[in-house]
mmCIF file of all heavy atoms, coordinates in Angstrom:
data_MODEL
# 
_entry.id   MODEL 
# 
loop_
_atom_site.group_PDB 
_atom_site.id 
_atom_site.type_symbol 
_atom_site.label_atom_id 
_atom_site.label_alt_id 
_atom_site.label_comp_id 
_atom_site.label_asym_id 
_atom_site.label_entity_id 
_atom_site.label_seq_id 
_atom_site.pdbx_PDB_ins_code 
_atom_site.Cartn_x 
_atom_site.Cartn_y 
_atom_site.Cartn_z 
_atom_site.occupancy 
_atom_site.B_iso_or_equiv 
_atom_site.pdbx_formal_charge 
_atom_site.auth_seq_id 
_atom_site.auth_comp_id 
_atom_site.auth_asym_id 
_atom_site.auth_atom_id 
_atom_site.pdbx_PDB_model_num 
ATOM 1   N N   . ASN A 1 1  ? 41.030 93.399  92.642  1.00 0.00 ? 1  ASN A N   1 
ATOM 2   C CA  . ASN A 1 1  ? 41.356 93.713  94.036  1.00 0.00 ? 1  ASN A CA  1 
ATOM 3   C C   . ASN A 1 1  ? 42.229 94.952  94.151  1.00 0.00 ? 1  ASN A C   1 
ATOM 4   O O   . ASN A 1 1  ? 43.075 95.055  95.045  1.00 0.00 ? 1  ASN A O   1 
ATOM 5   C CB  . ASN A 1 1  ? 42.017 92.528  94.736  1.00 0.00 ? 1  ASN A CB  1 
ATOM 6   C CG  . ASN A 1 1  ? 41.105 91.339  94.883  1.00 0.00 ? 1  ASN A CG  1 
ATOM 7   O OD1 . ASN A 1 1  ? 39.881 91.483  94.860  1.00 0.00 ? 1  ASN A OD1 1 
ATOM 8   N ND2 . ASN A 1 1  ? 41.663 90.154  94.983  1.00 0.00 ? 1  ASN A ND2 1 
ATOM 9   N N   . ASN A 1 2  ? 42.036 95.924  93.256  1.00 0.00 ? 2  ASN A N   1 
ATOM 10  C CA  . ASN A 1 2  ? 42.890 97.109  93.303  1.00 0.00 ? 2  ASN A CA  1 
ATOM 11  C C   . ASN A 1 2  ? 42.524 97.981  94.505  1.00 0.00 ? 2  ASN A C   1 
ATOM 12  O O   . ASN A 1 2  ? 41.367 98.103  94.907  1.00 0.00 ? 2  ASN A O   1 
ATOM 13  C CB  . ASN A 1 2  ? 42.788 97.898  91.996  1.00 0.00 ? 2  ASN A CB  1 
ATOM 14  C CG  . ASN A 1 2  ? 41.601 98.858  91.983  1.00 0.00 ? 2  ASN A CG  1 
ATOM 15  O OD1 . ASN A 1 2  ? 41.695 99.960  92.491  1.00 0.00 ? 2  ASN A OD1 1 
ATOM 16  N ND2 . ASN A 1 2  ? 40.498 98.419  91.384  1.00 0.00 ? 2  ASN A ND2 1 
ATOM 17  N N   . ARG A 1 3  ? 43.547 98.568  95.083  1.00 0.00 ? 3  ARG A N   1 
ATOM 18  C CA  . ARG A 1 3  ? 43.424 99.412  96.266  1.00 0.00 ? 3  ARG A CA  1 
ATOM 19  C C   . ARG A 1 3  ? 43.666 100.883 95.901  1.00 0.00 ? 3  ARG A C   1 
ATOM 20  O O   . ARG A 1 3  ? 44.200 101.670 96.677  1.00 0.00 ? 3  ARG A O   1 
ATOM 21  C CB  . ARG A 1 3  ? 44.403 98.962  97.343  1.00 0.00 ? 3  ARG A CB  1 
ATOM 22  C CG  . ARG A 1 3  ? 44.126 97.537  97.810  1.00 0.00 ? 3  ARG A CG  1 
ATOM 23  C CD  . ARG A 1 3  ? 45.350 96.913  98.483  1.00 0.00 ? 3  ARG A CD  1 
ATOM 24  N NE  . ARG A 1 3  ? 45.042 95.584  99.033  1.00 0.00 ? 3  ARG A NE  1 
ATOM 25  C CZ  . ARG A 1 3  ? 45.021 94.474  98.323  1.00 0.00 ? 3  ARG A CZ  1 
ATOM 26  N NH1 . ARG A 1 3  ? 45.283 94.494  97.026  1.00 0.00 ? 3  ARG A NH1 1 
ATOM 27  N NH2 . ARG A 1 3  ? 44.735 93.322  98.891  1.00 0.00 ? 3  ARG A NH2 1 
ATOM 28  N N   . ILE A 1 4  ? 43.258 101.243 94.687  1.00 0.00 ? 4  ILE A N   1 
ATOM 29  C CA  . ILE A 1 4  ? 43.601 102.549 94.151  1.00 0.00 ? 4  ILE A CA  1 
ATOM 30  C C   . ILE A 1 4  ? 42.949 103.686 94.926  1.00 0.00 ? 4  ILE A C   1 
ATOM 31  O O   . ILE A 1 4  ? 43.464 104.803 94.973  1.00 0.00 ? 4  ILE A O   1 
ATOM 32  C CB  . ILE A 1 4  ? 43.199 102.589 92.645  1.00 0.00 ? 4  ILE A CB  1 
ATOM 33  C CG1 . ILE A 1 4  ? 43.920 103.708 91.920  1.00 0.00 ? 4  ILE A CG1 1 
ATOM 34  C CG2 . ILE A 1 4  ? 41.692 102.690 92.473  1.00 0.00 ? 4  ILE A CG2 1 
ATOM 35  C CD1 . ILE A 1 4  ? 43.793 103.634 90.406  1.00 0.00 ? 4  ILE A CD1 1 
ATOM 36  N N   . GLY A 1 5  ? 41.814 103.404 95.577  1.00 0.00 ? 5  GLY A N   1 
ATOM 37  C CA  . GLY A 1 5  ? 41.126 104.459 96.315  1.00 0.00 ? 5  GLY A CA  1 
ATOM 38  C C   . GLY A 1 5  ? 41.874 104.914 97.544  1.00 0.00 ? 5  GLY A C   1 
ATOM 39  O O   . GLY A 1 5  ? 41.791 106.085 97.925  1.00 0.00 ? 5  GLY A O   1 
ATOM 40  N N   . ILE A 1 6  ? 42.624 104.018 98.175  1.00 0.00 ? 6  ILE A N   1 
ATOM 41  C CA  . ILE A 1 6  ? 43.341 104.359 99.405  1.00 0.00 ? 6  ILE A CA  1 
ATOM 42  C C   . ILE A 1 6  ? 44.837 104.483 99.155  1.00 0.00 ? 6  ILE A C   1 
ATOM 43  O O   . ILE A 1 6  ? 45.496 105.390 99.663  1.00 0.00 ? 6  ILE A O   1 
ATOM 44  C CB  . ILE A 1 6  ? 43.064 103.319 100.494 1.00 0.00 ? 6  ILE A CB  1 
ATOM 45  C CG1 . ILE A 1 6  ? 41.573 103.346 100.874 1.00 0.00 ? 6  ILE A CG1 1 
ATOM 46  C CG2 . ILE A 1 6  ? 43.925 103.570 101.716 1.00 0.00 ? 6  ILE A CG2 1 
ATOM 47  C CD1 . ILE A 1 6  ? 41.187 102.321 101.924 1.00 0.00 ? 6  ILE A CD1 1 
ATOM 48  N N   . ASP A 1 7  ? 45.390 103.596 98.369  1.00 0.00 ? 7  ASP A N   1 
ATOM 49  C CA  . ASP A 1 7  ? 46.851 103.536 98.220  1.00 0.00 ? 7  ASP A CA  1 
ATOM 50  C C   . ASP A 1 7  ? 47.431 104.540 97.245  1.00 0.00 ? 7  ASP A C   1 
ATOM 51  O O   . ASP A 1 7  ? 48.616 104.836 97.305  1.00 0.00 ? 7  ASP A O   1 
ATOM 52  C CB  . ASP A 1 7  ? 47.267 102.117 97.795  1.00 0.00 ? 7  ASP A CB  1 
ATOM 53  C CG  . ASP A 1 7  ? 47.075 101.096 98.900  1.00 0.00 ? 7  ASP A CG  1 
ATOM 54  O OD1 . ASP A 1 7  ? 46.680 101.490 100.002 1.00 0.00 ? 7  ASP A OD1 1 
ATOM 55  O OD2 . ASP A 1 7  ? 47.311 99.888  98.654  1.00 0.00 ? 7  ASP A OD2 1 
ATOM 56  N N   . VAL A 1 8  ? 46.645 105.043 96.317  1.00 0.00 ? 8  VAL A N   1 
ATOM 57  C CA  . VAL A 1 8  ? 47.145 105.944 95.300  1.00 0.00 ? 8  VAL A CA  1 
ATOM 58  C C   . VAL A 1 8  ? 46.649 107.360 95.589  1.00 0.00 ? 8  VAL A C   1 
ATOM 59  O O   . VAL A 1 8  ? 45.448 107.645 95.456  1.00 0.00 ? 8  VAL A O   1 
ATOM 60  C CB  . VAL A 1 8  ? 46.714 105.491 93.884  1.00 0.00 ? 8  VAL A CB  1 
ATOM 61  C CG1 . VAL A 1 8  ? 47.270 106.448 92.821  1.00 0.00 ? 8  VAL A CG1 1 
ATOM 62  C CG2 . VAL A 1 8  ? 47.187 104.060 93.629  1.00 0.00 ? 8  VAL A CG2 1 
ATOM 63  N N   . PRO A 1 9  ? 47.522 108.279 95.996  1.00 0.00 ? 9  PRO A N   1 
ATOM 64  C CA  . PRO A 1 9  ? 47.056 109.603 96.465  1.00 0.00 ? 9  PRO A CA  1 
ATOM 65  C C   . PRO A 1 9  ? 46.434 110.463 95.384  1.00 0.00 ? 9  PRO A C   1 
ATOM 66  O O   . PRO A 1 9  ? 45.613 111.339 95.680  1.00 0.00 ? 9  PRO A O   1 
ATOM 67  C CB  . PRO A 1 9  ? 48.350 110.240 97.008  1.00 0.00 ? 9  PRO A CB  1 
ATOM 68  C CG  . PRO A 1 9  ? 49.484 109.516 96.355  1.00 0.00 ? 9  PRO A CG  1 
ATOM 69  C CD  . PRO A 1 9  ? 48.992 108.113 96.149  1.00 0.00 ? 9  PRO A CD  1 
ATOM 70  N N   . GLU A 1 10 ? 46.777 110.238 94.101  1.00 0.00 ? 10 GLU A N   1 
ATOM 71  C CA  . GLU A 1 10 ? 46.229 111.106 93.064  1.00 0.00 ? 10 GLU A CA  1 
ATOM 72  C C   . GLU A 1 10 ? 44.882 110.638 92.500  1.00 0.00 ? 10 GLU A C   1 
ATOM 73  O O   . GLU A 1 10 ? 44.357 111.203 91.555  1.00 0.00 ? 10 GLU A O   1 
ATOM 74  C CB  . GLU A 1 10 ? 47.221 111.252 91.892  1.00 0.00 ? 10 GLU A CB  1 
ATOM 75  C CG  . GLU A 1 10 ? 47.586 109.950 91.203  1.00 0.00 ? 10 GLU A CG  1 
ATOM 76  C CD  . GLU A 1 10 ? 48.841 109.315 91.778  1.00 0.00 ? 10 GLU A CD  1 
ATOM 77  O OE1 . GLU A 1 10 ? 49.143 109.568 92.960  1.00 0.00 ? 10 GLU A OE1 1 
ATOM 78  O OE2 . GLU A 1 10 ? 49.500 108.564 91.048  1.00 0.00 ? 10 GLU A OE2 1 
ATOM 79  N N   . THR A 1 11 ? 44.293 109.588 93.109  1.00 0.00 ? 11 THR A N   1 
ATOM 80  C CA  . THR A 1 11 ? 43.024 109.065 92.601  1.00 0.00 ? 11 THR A CA  1 
ATOM 81  C C   . THR A 1 11 ? 41.917 110.111 92.641  1.00 0.00 ? 11 THR A C   1 
ATOM 82  O O   . THR A 1 11 ? 41.118 110.226 91.713  1.00 0.00 ? 11 THR A O   1 
ATOM 83  C CB  . THR A 1 11 ? 42.596 107.809 93.381  1.00 0.00 ? 11 THR A CB  1 
ATOM 84  O OG1 . THR A 1 11 ? 43.628 106.824 93.281  1.00 0.00 ? 11 THR A OG1 1 
ATOM 85  C CG2 . THR A 1 11 ? 41.297 107.233 92.815  1.00 0.00 ? 11 THR A CG2 1 
ATOM 86  N N   . GLU A 1 12 ? 41.863 110.914 93.718  1.00 0.00 ? 12 GLU A N   1 
ATOM 87  C CA  . GLU A 1 12 ? 40.829 111.958 93.796  1.00 0.00 ? 12 GLU A CA  1 
ATOM 88  C C   . GLU A 1 12 ? 41.005 112.983 92.684  1.00 0.00 ? 12 GLU A C   1 
ATOM 89  O O   . GLU A 1 12 ? 40.017 113.476 92.129  1.00 0.00 ? 12 GLU A O   1 
ATOM 90  C CB  . GLU A 1 12 ? 40.886 112.638 95.158  1.00 0.00 ? 12 GLU A CB  1 
ATOM 91  C CG  . GLU A 1 12 ? 40.349 111.788 96.294  1.00 0.00 ? 12 GLU A CG  1 
ATOM 92  C CD  . GLU A 1 12 ? 40.250 112.567 97.592  1.00 0.00 ? 12 GLU A CD  1 
ATOM 93  O OE1 . GLU A 1 12 ? 40.799 113.677 97.666  1.00 0.00 ? 12 GLU A OE1 1 
ATOM 94  O OE2 . GLU A 1 12 ? 39.613 112.065 98.520  1.00 0.00 ? 12 GLU A OE2 1 
ATOM 95  N N   . ILE A 1 13 ? 42.254 113.302 92.312  1.00 0.00 ? 13 ILE A N   1 
ATOM 96  C CA  . ILE A 1 13 ? 42.492 114.264 91.231  1.00 0.00 ? 13 ILE A CA  1 
ATOM 97  C C   . ILE A 1 13 ? 42.005 113.684 89.904  1.00 0.00 ? 13 ILE A C   1 
ATOM 98  O O   . ILE A 1 13 ? 41.354 114.367 89.105  1.00 0.00 ? 13 ILE A O   1 
ATOM 99  C CB  . ILE A 1 13 ? 43.992 114.618 91.168  1.00 0.00 ? 13 ILE A CB  1 
ATOM 100 C CG1 . ILE A 1 13 ? 44.420 115.281 92.462  1.00 0.00 ? 13 ILE A CG1 1 
ATOM 101 C CG2 . ILE A 1 13 ? 44.278 115.519 89.973  1.00 0.00 ? 13 ILE A CG2 1 
ATOM 102 C CD1 . ILE A 1 13 ? 45.909 115.561 92.542  1.00 0.00 ? 13 ILE A CD1 1 
ATOM 103 N N   . VAL A 1 14 ? 42.325 112.385 89.667  1.00 0.00 ? 14 VAL A N   1 
ATOM 104 C CA  . VAL A 1 14 ? 41.903 111.748 88.418  1.00 0.00 ? 14 VAL A CA  1 
ATOM 105 C C   . VAL A 1 14 ? 40.374 111.670 88.339  1.00 0.00 ? 14 VAL A C   1 
ATOM 106 O O   . VAL A 1 14 ? 39.776 111.952 87.294  1.00 0.00 ? 14 VAL A O   1 
ATOM 107 C CB  . VAL A 1 14 ? 42.528 110.347 88.301  1.00 0.00 ? 14 VAL A CB  1 
ATOM 108 C CG1 . VAL A 1 14 ? 41.972 109.606 87.094  1.00 0.00 ? 14 VAL A CG1 1 
ATOM 109 C CG2 . VAL A 1 14 ? 44.037 110.435 88.222  1.00 0.00 ? 14 VAL A CG2 1 
ATOM 110 N N   . ALA A 1 15 ? 39.738 111.295 89.447  1.00 0.00 ? 15 ALA A N   1 
ATOM 111 C CA  . ALA A 1 15 ? 38.283 111.162 89.463  1.00 0.00 ? 15 ALA A CA  1 
ATOM 112 C C   . ALA A 1 15 ? 37.569 112.508 89.513  1.00 0.00 ? 15 ALA A C   1 
ATOM 113 O O   . ALA A 1 15 ? 36.393 112.609 89.140  1.00 0.00 ? 15 ALA A O   1 
ATOM 114 C CB  . ALA A 1 15 ? 37.840 110.296 90.645  1.00 0.00 ? 15 ALA A CB  1 
ATOM 115 N N   . GLY A 1 16 ? 38.260 113.544 89.992  1.00 0.00 ? 16 GLY A N   1 
ATOM 116 C CA  . GLY A 1 16 ? 37.643 114.868 90.075  1.00 0.00 ? 16 GLY A CA  1 
ATOM 117 C C   . GLY A 1 16 ? 36.593 114.988 91.145  1.00 0.00 ? 16 GLY A C   1 
ATOM 118 O O   . GLY A 1 16 ? 35.660 115.778 91.035  1.00 0.00 ? 16 GLY A O   1 
ATOM 119 N N   . ARG A 1 17 ? 36.724 114.213 92.225  1.00 0.00 ? 17 ARG A N   1 
ATOM 120 C CA  . ARG A 1 17 ? 35.738 114.246 93.293  1.00 0.00 ? 17 ARG A CA  1 
ATOM 121 C C   . ARG A 1 17 ? 36.317 113.582 94.532  1.00 0.00 ? 17 ARG A C   1 
ATOM 122 O O   . ARG A 1 17 ? 37.338 112.901 94.487  1.00 0.00 ? 17 ARG A O   1 
ATOM 123 C CB  . ARG A 1 17 ? 34.458 113.497 92.870  1.00 0.00 ? 17 ARG A CB  1 
ATOM 124 C CG  . ARG A 1 17 ? 34.697 112.032 92.507  1.00 0.00 ? 17 ARG A CG  1 
ATOM 125 C CD  . ARG A 1 17 ? 33.422 111.350 92.012  1.00 0.00 ? 17 ARG A CD  1 
ATOM 126 N NE  . ARG A 1 17 ? 33.668 110.028 91.488  1.00 0.00 ? 17 ARG A NE  1 
ATOM 127 C CZ  . ARG A 1 17 ? 33.698 108.904 92.214  1.00 0.00 ? 17 ARG A CZ  1 
ATOM 128 N NH1 . ARG A 1 17 ? 33.484 108.963 93.512  1.00 0.00 ? 17 ARG A NH1 1 
ATOM 129 N NH2 . ARG A 1 17 ? 33.930 107.735 91.628  1.00 0.00 ? 17 ARG A NH2 1 
ATOM 130 N N   . LEU A 1 18 ? 35.637 113.778 95.660  1.00 0.00 ? 18 LEU A N   1 
ATOM 131 C CA  . LEU A 1 18 ? 35.980 113.033 96.845  1.00 0.00 ? 18 LEU A CA  1 
ATOM 132 C C   . LEU A 1 18 ? 35.577 111.566 96.650  1.00 0.00 ? 18 LEU A C   1 
ATOM 133 O O   . LEU A 1 18 ? 34.598 111.271 95.951  1.00 0.00 ? 18 LEU A O   1 
ATOM 134 C CB  . LEU A 1 18 ? 35.247 113.596 98.082  1.00 0.00 ? 18 LEU A CB  1 
ATOM 135 C CG  . LEU A 1 18 ? 35.674 114.996 98.534  1.00 0.00 ? 18 LEU A CG  1 
ATOM 136 C CD1 . LEU A 1 18 ? 34.795 115.468 99.685  1.00 0.00 ? 18 LEU A CD1 1 
ATOM 137 C CD2 . LEU A 1 18 ? 37.146 115.021 98.934  1.00 0.00 ? 18 LEU A CD2 1 
ATOM 138 N N   . LEU A 1 19 ? 36.330 110.671 97.252  1.00 0.00 ? 19 LEU A N   1 
ATOM 139 C CA  . LEU A 1 19 ? 36.084 109.250 97.055  1.00 0.00 ? 19 LEU A CA  1 
ATOM 140 C C   . LEU A 1 19 ? 35.169 108.710 98.141  1.00 0.00 ? 19 LEU A C   1 
ATOM 141 O O   . LEU A 1 19 ? 35.301 109.059 99.316  1.00 0.00 ? 19 LEU A O   1 
ATOM 142 C CB  . LEU A 1 19 ? 37.396 108.476 97.049  1.00 0.00 ? 19 LEU A CB  1 
ATOM 143 C CG  . LEU A 1 19 ? 38.404 108.890 95.983  1.00 0.00 ? 19 LEU A CG  1 
ATOM 144 C CD1 . LEU A 1 19 ? 39.654 108.021 96.063  1.00 0.00 ? 19 LEU A CD1 1 
ATOM 145 C CD2 . LEU A 1 19 ? 37.793 108.808 94.590  1.00 0.00 ? 19 LEU A CD2 1 
ATOM 146 N N   . GLN A 1 20 ? 34.272 107.838 97.742  1.00 0.00 ? 20 GLN A N   1 
ATOM 147 C CA  . GLN A 1 20 ? 33.369 107.185 98.685  1.00 0.00 ? 20 GLN A CA  1 
ATOM 148 C C   . GLN A 1 20 ? 33.906 105.809 98.998  1.00 0.00 ? 20 GLN A C   1 
ATOM 149 O O   . GLN A 1 20 ? 33.928 104.933 98.128  1.00 0.00 ? 20 GLN A O   1 
ATOM 150 C CB  . GLN A 1 20 ? 31.961 107.085 98.094  1.00 0.00 ? 20 GLN A CB  1 
ATOM 151 C CG  . GLN A 1 20 ? 30.957 106.400 99.000  1.00 0.00 ? 20 GLN A CG  1 
ATOM 152 C CD  . GLN A 1 20 ? 29.596 106.288 98.352  1.00 0.00 ? 20 GLN A CD  1 
ATOM 153 O OE1 . GLN A 1 20 ? 29.357 106.834 97.276  1.00 0.00 ? 20 GLN A OE1 1 
ATOM 154 N NE2 . GLN A 1 20 ? 28.682 105.571 99.002  1.00 0.00 ? 20 GLN A NE2 1 
ATOM 155 N N   . MET A 1 21 ? 34.355 105.582 100.204 1.00 0.00 ? 21 MET A N   1 
ATOM 156 C CA  . MET A 1 21 ? 34.887 104.288 100.604 1.00 0.00 ? 21 MET A CA  1 
ATOM 157 C C   . MET A 1 21 ? 33.745 103.364 101.030 1.00 0.00 ? 21 MET A C   1 
ATOM 158 O O   . MET A 1 21 ? 32.674 103.823 101.442 1.00 0.00 ? 21 MET A O   1 
ATOM 159 C CB  . MET A 1 21 ? 35.892 104.436 101.744 1.00 0.00 ? 21 MET A CB  1 
ATOM 160 C CG  . MET A 1 21 ? 37.101 105.287 101.372 1.00 0.00 ? 21 MET A CG  1 
ATOM 161 S SD  . MET A 1 21 ? 38.020 104.587 99.985  1.00 0.00 ? 21 MET A SD  1 
ATOM 162 C CE  . MET A 1 21 ? 39.036 105.983 99.514  1.00 0.00 ? 21 MET A CE  1 
ATOM 163 N N   . ASN A 1 22 ? 34.005 102.070 100.945 1.00 0.00 ? 22 ASN A N   1 
ATOM 164 C CA  . ASN A 1 22 ? 32.962 101.101 101.288 1.00 0.00 ? 22 ASN A CA  1 
ATOM 165 C C   . ASN A 1 22 ? 33.596 99.900  102.000 1.00 0.00 ? 22 ASN A C   1 
ATOM 166 O O   . ASN A 1 22 ? 34.835 99.822  102.097 1.00 0.00 ? 22 ASN A O   1 
ATOM 167 C CB  . ASN A 1 22 ? 32.215 100.665 100.019 1.00 0.00 ? 22 ASN A CB  1 
ATOM 168 C CG  . ASN A 1 22 ? 33.166 100.083 98.987  1.00 0.00 ? 22 ASN A CG  1 
ATOM 169 O OD1 . ASN A 1 22 ? 33.701 99.002  99.179  1.00 0.00 ? 22 ASN A OD1 1 
ATOM 170 N ND2 . ASN A 1 22 ? 33.386 100.806 97.873  1.00 0.00 ? 22 ASN A ND2 1 
ATOM 171 N N   . PRO A 1 23 ? 32.812 98.984  102.495 1.00 0.00 ? 23 PRO A N   1 
ATOM 172 C CA  . PRO A 1 23 ? 33.384 97.842  103.231 1.00 0.00 ? 23 PRO A CA  1 
ATOM 173 C C   . PRO A 1 23 ? 34.372 97.009  102.417 1.00 0.00 ? 23 PRO A C   1 
ATOM 174 O O   . PRO A 1 23 ? 35.300 96.426  102.981 1.00 0.00 ? 23 PRO A O   1 
ATOM 175 C CB  . PRO A 1 23 ? 32.159 97.022  103.627 1.00 0.00 ? 23 PRO A CB  1 
ATOM 176 C CG  . PRO A 1 23 ? 31.043 98.021  103.707 1.00 0.00 ? 23 PRO A CG  1 
ATOM 177 C CD  . PRO A 1 23 ? 31.338 99.002  102.624 1.00 0.00 ? 23 PRO A CD  1 
ATOM 178 N N   . ILE A 1 24 ? 34.193 96.946  101.096 1.00 0.00 ? 24 ILE A N   1 
ATOM 179 C CA  . ILE A 1 24 ? 35.130 96.184  100.267 1.00 0.00 ? 24 ILE A CA  1 
ATOM 180 C C   . ILE A 1 24 ? 36.517 96.846  100.294 1.00 0.00 ? 24 ILE A C   1 
ATOM 181 O O   . ILE A 1 24 ? 37.538 96.160  100.354 1.00 0.00 ? 24 ILE A O   1 
ATOM 182 C CB  . ILE A 1 24 ? 34.613 96.066  98.831  1.00 0.00 ? 24 ILE A CB  1 
ATOM 183 C CG1 . ILE A 1 24 ? 33.364 95.162  98.800  1.00 0.00 ? 24 ILE A CG1 1 
ATOM 184 C CG2 . ILE A 1 24 ? 35.684 95.512  97.903  1.00 0.00 ? 24 ILE A CG2 1 
ATOM 185 C CD1 . ILE A 1 24 ? 33.639 93.731  99.205  1.00 0.00 ? 24 ILE A CD1 1 
ATOM 186 N N   . ASP A 1 25 ? 36.568 98.187  100.254 1.00 0.00 ? 25 ASP A N   1 
ATOM 187 C CA  . ASP A 1 25 ? 37.839 98.881  100.351 1.00 0.00 ? 25 ASP A CA  1 
ATOM 188 C C   . ASP A 1 25 ? 38.552 98.524  101.659 1.00 0.00 ? 25 ASP A C   1 
ATOM 189 O O   . ASP A 1 25 ? 39.765 98.248  101.688 1.00 0.00 ? 25 ASP A O   1 
ATOM 190 C CB  . ASP A 1 25 ? 37.650 100.390 100.282 1.00 0.00 ? 25 ASP A CB  1 
ATOM 191 C CG  . ASP A 1 25 ? 37.164 100.838 98.913  1.00 0.00 ? 25 ASP A CG  1 
ATOM 192 O OD1 . ASP A 1 25 ? 37.803 100.489 97.925  1.00 0.00 ? 25 ASP A OD1 1 
ATOM 193 O OD2 . ASP A 1 25 ? 36.152 101.556 98.845  1.00 0.00 ? 25 ASP A OD2 1 
ATOM 194 N N   . LEU A 1 26 ? 37.817 98.530  102.744 1.00 0.00 ? 26 LEU A N   1 
ATOM 195 C CA  . LEU A 1 26 ? 38.388 98.209  104.035 1.00 0.00 ? 26 LEU A CA  1 
ATOM 196 C C   . LEU A 1 26 ? 38.859 96.765  104.078 1.00 0.00 ? 26 LEU A C   1 
ATOM 197 O O   . LEU A 1 26 ? 39.940 96.463  104.601 1.00 0.00 ? 26 LEU A O   1 
ATOM 198 C CB  . LEU A 1 26 ? 37.354 98.456  105.137 1.00 0.00 ? 26 LEU A CB  1 
ATOM 199 C CG  . LEU A 1 26 ? 37.807 98.160  106.580 1.00 0.00 ? 26 LEU A CG  1 
ATOM 200 C CD1 . LEU A 1 26 ? 39.006 99.010  106.965 1.00 0.00 ? 26 LEU A CD1 1 
ATOM 201 C CD2 . LEU A 1 26 ? 36.667 98.374  107.564 1.00 0.00 ? 26 LEU A CD2 1 
ATOM 202 N N   . TYR A 1 27 ? 38.052 95.856  103.499 1.00 0.00 ? 27 TYR A N   1 
ATOM 203 C CA  . TYR A 1 27 ? 38.440 94.454  103.506 1.00 0.00 ? 27 TYR A CA  1 
ATOM 204 C C   . TYR A 1 27 ? 39.739 94.234  102.746 1.00 0.00 ? 27 TYR A C   1 
ATOM 205 O O   . TYR A 1 27 ? 40.615 93.475  103.184 1.00 0.00 ? 27 TYR A O   1 
ATOM 206 C CB  . TYR A 1 27 ? 37.326 93.598  102.902 1.00 0.00 ? 27 TYR A CB  1 
ATOM 207 C CG  . TYR A 1 27 ? 37.594 92.114  103.015 1.00 0.00 ? 27 TYR A CG  1 
ATOM 208 C CD1 . TYR A 1 27 ? 37.201 91.414  104.159 1.00 0.00 ? 27 TYR A CD1 1 
ATOM 209 C CD2 . TYR A 1 27 ? 38.239 91.417  102.013 1.00 0.00 ? 27 TYR A CD2 1 
ATOM 210 C CE1 . TYR A 1 27 ? 37.468 90.065  104.290 1.00 0.00 ? 27 TYR A CE1 1 
ATOM 211 C CE2 . TYR A 1 27 ? 38.495 90.056  102.126 1.00 0.00 ? 27 TYR A CE2 1 
ATOM 212 C CZ  . TYR A 1 27 ? 38.118 89.385  103.280 1.00 0.00 ? 27 TYR A CZ  1 
ATOM 213 O OH  . TYR A 1 27 ? 38.380 88.055  103.392 1.00 0.00 ? 27 TYR A OH  1 
# 
């Protein structure tokens, strides 16, 4: 249940791309 896509600001830098959010992230 990690919220790393929204709660951690450096996730895009680590992944090297824009992040694709989905309904599970919102839930």
